[in-house]
Amino acid sequence: MLIHPWDAGLDEAEWRSWLAEGHDFGILSVNGPPGQAPAAVPTHFTGDDGHLLIHLARPNPVWAAIERDPNVTFTVFGDYAFVPGPWRAPSGTPPTDGVPTSYYTAVQFTCRAHVVDDPEAKAALLRRQLAHFQPDGDHAPVVADEPPYGRMLPGIRGLRLEVTEVRAKFKYDDHKPVEHRTAVAEHLTARAQGLDLSAARRQRRRLDRIGPWKP
């Protein structure tokens, strides 16, 4: 993932707070066999002390790939919007001379995968995930040898993704003048399609913290 200086996360707190806003779904990418494409699996995840926790069905084809090479990537993205060319035309030029772009946030984790097969360990992983996704506790107890989860555990495998590197990208034209960024945020707010509003909020937050870009 290419990250220009003006697209980089301002600090660790920025990407952590972005994830905490509800961005808990991403894509696990694993190396394919020689001569074949990588495999990519969309899935929910939770964090736990330097690890990402996920679980997948036992028939999933990623297991053989992970056993060959446990080095994987997990990517989370959101707050994206297409920005049409006329919104980006330099002052004094025809609107049609503007070049379109995409705005988005992406956080990419480089990880070493550890497979979780022990029933008790899988149950603990599921409990950790449910504590995040169903904090009200409106579910049956997750116990390895009791229904309903106990009989289902053999059908899944868990993954603890040990995070070795985090790269965050916030692509919102932060190298452009303040007036330009403010105008684009207003355009996004007025259009209000898809994730336009969240992209505009993210751009304004970056604008408030960065102000005029200084190389």
Protein backbone atom coordinates (compact mmCIF):
# COMPACT_ATOMS: atom_id res chain seq x y z
CA MET A 1 0.00 0.00 0.00
CA LEU A 2 1.53 3.27 -1.14
CA ILE A 3 1.42 5.92 1.58
CA HIS A 4 2.49 9.44 0.67
CA PRO A 5 3.72 11.62 3.56
CA TRP A 6 0.47 13.61 3.51
CA ASP A 7 -1.64 10.42 3.65
CA ALA A 8 0.11 8.90 6.66
CA GLY A 9 -1.59 8.46 10.00
CA LEU A 10 -0.79 11.32 12.34
CA ASP A 11 -0.13 8.97 15.24
CA GLU A 12 -1.10 5.54 16.54
CA ALA A 13 -4.12 6.97 18.31
CA GLU A 14 -5.65 8.07 15.00
CA TRP A 15 -5.92 4.62 13.46
CA ARG A 16 -6.82 3.01 16.78
CA SER A 17 -9.69 5.45 17.35
CA TRP A 18 -10.85 4.92 13.74
CA LEU A 19 -11.04 1.16 14.31
CA ALA A 20 -12.86 1.71 17.60
CA GLU A 21 -15.58 3.67 15.79
CA GLY A 22 -16.92 0.36 14.48
CA HIS A 23 -14.51 -0.68 11.76
CA ASP A 24 -14.23 -4.34 12.69
CA PHE A 25 -14.57 -6.07 9.32
CA GLY A 26 -11.64 -6.65 6.98
CA ILE A 27 -9.95 -8.92 4.47
CA LEU A 28 -7.45 -11.63 5.40
CA SER A 29 -4.91 -12.16 2.60
CA VAL A 30 -2.69 -15.24 2.52
CA ASN A 31 -0.04 -16.39 0.08
CA GLY A 32 -1.28 -18.88 -2.50
CA PRO A 33 0.70 -21.90 -3.75
CA PRO A 34 3.50 -21.17 -6.25
CA GLY A 35 2.00 -19.99 -9.50
CA GLN A 36 -1.41 -19.25 -8.00
CA ALA A 37 -3.01 -16.05 -6.80
CA PRO A 38 -3.22 -15.13 -3.11
CA ALA A 39 -6.42 -16.01 -1.27
CA ALA A 40 -8.50 -13.23 0.30
CA VAL A 41 -11.23 -13.84 2.87
CA PRO A 42 -13.61 -11.14 4.20
CA THR A 43 -14.38 -11.55 7.89
CA HIS A 44 -15.14 -9.81 11.18
CA PHE A 45 -12.33 -9.53 13.72
CA THR A 46 -11.61 -8.38 17.24
CA GLY A 47 -8.40 -7.15 18.84
CA ASP A 48 -6.68 -8.66 21.84
CA ASP A 49 -3.32 -7.50 23.23
CA GLY A 50 -1.32 -7.19 20.01
CA HIS A 51 -3.33 -9.82 18.16
CA LEU A 52 -6.31 -9.90 15.83
CA LEU A 53 -8.78 -12.70 16.54
CA ILE A 54 -10.84 -14.35 13.82
CA HIS A 55 -12.41 -17.72 13.14
CA LEU A 56 -13.25 -19.42 9.85
CA ALA A 57 -14.97 -22.60 8.74
CA ARG A 58 -12.77 -25.67 8.70
CA PRO A 59 -13.29 -26.26 4.92
CA ASN A 60 -11.91 -22.78 4.15
CA PRO A 61 -9.01 -23.08 1.66
CA VAL A 62 -6.82 -20.62 3.58
CA TRP A 63 -5.70 -23.24 6.12
CA ALA A 64 -3.35 -25.06 3.76
CA ALA A 65 -1.86 -21.73 2.68
CA ILE A 66 -1.30 -20.62 6.28
CA GLU A 67 0.40 -23.91 7.12
CA ARG A 68 2.79 -23.34 4.21
CA ASP A 69 3.40 -19.71 5.11
CA PRO A 70 1.99 -18.09 8.29
CA ASN A 71 2.89 -14.57 7.17
CA VAL A 72 -0.39 -12.85 6.30
CA THR A 73 -1.93 -9.43 5.80
CA PHE A 74 -5.20 -8.17 7.25
CA THR A 75 -6.70 -5.02 5.73
CA VAL A 76 -9.52 -2.85 7.06
CA PHE A 77 -10.90 0.01 4.97
CA GLY A 78 -13.77 2.48 5.02
CA ASP A 79 -14.84 6.13 4.84
CA TYR A 80 -14.33 5.96 1.09
CA ALA A 81 -15.80 8.17 -1.62
CA PHE A 82 -15.22 8.96 -5.29
CA VAL A 83 -14.27 12.59 -5.81
CA PRO A 84 -15.13 13.78 -9.34
CA GLY A 85 -12.70 15.87 -11.35
CA PRO A 86 -14.59 19.19 -11.28
CA TRP A 87 -14.35 19.25 -7.47
CA ARG A 88 -10.54 19.14 -7.74
CA ALA A 89 -9.92 21.60 -10.55
CA PRO A 90 -7.25 24.15 -9.61
CA SER A 91 -8.46 27.70 -9.11
CA GLY A 92 -8.68 29.59 -12.38
CA THR A 93 -8.90 26.48 -14.58
CA PRO A 94 -11.92 24.93 -16.31
CA PRO A 95 -13.76 22.45 -14.06
CA THR A 96 -13.27 19.74 -16.68
CA ASP A 97 -9.49 20.02 -16.16
CA GLY A 98 -9.83 18.60 -12.66
CA VAL A 99 -8.53 15.08 -12.11
CA PRO A 100 -10.77 12.73 -10.10
CA THR A 101 -9.54 10.65 -7.18
CA SER A 102 -10.66 8.36 -4.40
CA TYR A 103 -10.78 9.21 -0.72
CA TYR A 104 -10.50 6.42 1.84
CA THR A 105 -9.06 5.20 5.10
CA ALA A 106 -7.16 1.91 5.22
CA VAL A 107 -5.34 0.19 8.06
CA GLN A 108 -3.15 -2.73 7.05
CA PHE A 109 -1.76 -5.23 9.53
CA THR A 110 1.19 -7.47 8.78
CA CYS A 111 0.80 -10.55 10.95
CA ARG A 112 2.08 -13.99 11.77
CA ALA A 113 -0.83 -16.40 11.96
CA HIS A 114 -1.24 -18.92 14.78
CA VAL A 115 -3.93 -21.55 14.25
CA VAL A 116 -6.19 -22.30 17.22
CA ASP A 117 -7.57 -25.86 17.22
CA ASP A 118 -7.84 -26.74 20.92
CA PRO A 119 -11.58 -26.76 21.84
CA GLU A 120 -11.11 -24.77 25.04
CA ALA A 121 -8.94 -22.21 23.26
CA LYS A 122 -11.49 -21.88 20.45
CA ALA A 123 -14.26 -21.37 22.99
CA ALA A 124 -12.21 -18.64 24.68
CA LEU A 125 -11.64 -16.96 21.31
CA LEU A 126 -15.37 -17.01 20.56
CA ARG A 127 -16.14 -15.59 24.00
CA ARG A 128 -13.76 -12.72 23.32
CA GLN A 129 -15.44 -12.04 19.98
CA LEU A 130 -18.94 -12.19 21.42
CA ALA A 131 -17.94 -9.80 24.20
CA HIS A 132 -17.20 -7.31 21.43
CA PHE A 133 -20.07 -7.98 19.03
CA GLN A 134 -22.79 -8.85 21.58
CA PRO A 135 -21.73 -6.95 24.71
CA ASP A 136 -25.21 -7.31 26.20
CA GLY A 137 -24.49 -11.01 26.65
CA ASP A 138 -27.65 -12.07 24.82
CA HIS A 139 -26.26 -15.46 23.83
CA ALA A 140 -25.85 -18.92 25.29
CA PRO A 141 -22.64 -19.62 27.23
CA VAL A 142 -19.75 -20.62 24.98
CA VAL A 143 -18.51 -23.83 26.58
CA ALA A 144 -16.45 -26.38 24.72
CA ASP A 145 -18.47 -29.43 25.77
CA GLU A 146 -21.97 -27.94 26.06
CA PRO A 147 -24.62 -27.03 23.47
CA PRO A 148 -25.14 -25.08 21.36
CA TYR A 149 -21.56 -24.03 20.70
CA GLY A 150 -19.83 -27.20 21.85
CA ARG A 151 -21.13 -29.31 19.00
CA MET A 152 -20.22 -26.61 16.46
CA LEU A 153 -16.61 -26.06 17.51
CA PRO A 154 -15.21 -28.94 15.41
CA GLY A 155 -16.49 -27.15 12.30
CA ILE A 156 -14.32 -24.06 12.80
CA ARG A 157 -10.71 -23.16 13.40
CA GLY A 158 -9.51 -20.04 15.15
CA LEU A 159 -6.71 -17.68 14.21
CA ARG A 160 -4.63 -15.43 16.43
CA LEU A 161 -2.91 -12.99 14.12
CA GLU A 162 0.20 -11.70 15.87
CA VAL A 163 0.61 -8.13 14.64
CA THR A 164 4.17 -7.31 13.58
CA GLU A 165 3.54 -4.06 11.69
CA VAL A 166 0.69 -1.58 11.23
CA ARG A 167 0.44 0.82 8.28
CA ALA A 168 -2.36 3.38 8.19
CA LYS A 169 -3.41 5.55 5.25
CA PHE A 170 -5.86 8.47 5.34
CA LYS A 171 -6.21 9.66 1.74
CA TYR A 172 -8.12 12.94 1.82
CA ASP A 173 -6.07 15.45 -0.23
CA ASP A 174 -4.23 16.70 2.84
CA HIS A 175 -1.51 18.16 0.60
CA LYS A 176 -4.04 20.49 -1.01
CA PRO A 177 -4.86 24.00 0.24
CA VAL A 178 -7.26 24.36 3.16
CA GLU A 179 -9.84 26.02 0.90
CA HIS A 180 -9.76 23.06 -1.48
CA ARG A 181 -10.24 20.50 1.27
CA THR A 182 -13.03 22.50 2.87
CA ALA A 183 -14.85 22.78 -0.48
CA VAL A 184 -14.58 19.05 -1.19
CA ALA A 185 -15.93 18.22 2.27
CA GLU A 186 -18.88 20.50 1.54
CA HIS A 187 -19.47 18.78 -1.81
CA LEU A 188 -19.41 15.37 -0.14
CA THR A 189 -21.86 16.53 2.52
CA ALA A 190 -24.22 17.90 -0.11
CA ARG A 191 -24.06 14.75 -2.27
CA ALA A 192 -24.53 12.47 0.77
CA GLN A 193 -24.36 9.19 -1.12
CA GLY A 194 -22.82 5.96 0.14
CA LEU A 195 -20.08 6.83 2.62
CA ASP A 196 -19.84 10.50 1.57
CA LEU A 197 -20.77 11.84 5.01
CA SER A 198 -18.25 9.70 6.88
CA ALA A 199 -15.56 10.61 4.32
CA ALA A 200 -16.36 14.31 4.80
CA ARG A 201 -16.16 13.94 8.59
CA ARG A 202 -12.80 12.22 8.29
CA GLN A 203 -11.50 14.93 5.97
CA ARG A 204 -12.62 17.67 8.35
CA ARG A 205 -10.99 15.92 11.32
CA ARG A 206 -7.71 15.71 9.42
CA LEU A 207 -8.07 19.34 8.38
CA ASP A 208 -8.57 20.42 11.98
CA ARG A 209 -5.44 18.58 13.10
CA ILE A 210 -3.15 19.26 10.14
CA GLY A 211 -4.24 22.68 8.91
CA PRO A 212 -2.15 23.85 5.93
CA TRP A 213 0.13 21.08 4.71
CA LYS A 214 3.81 21.59 5.48
CA PRO A 215 6.17 19.21 3.60
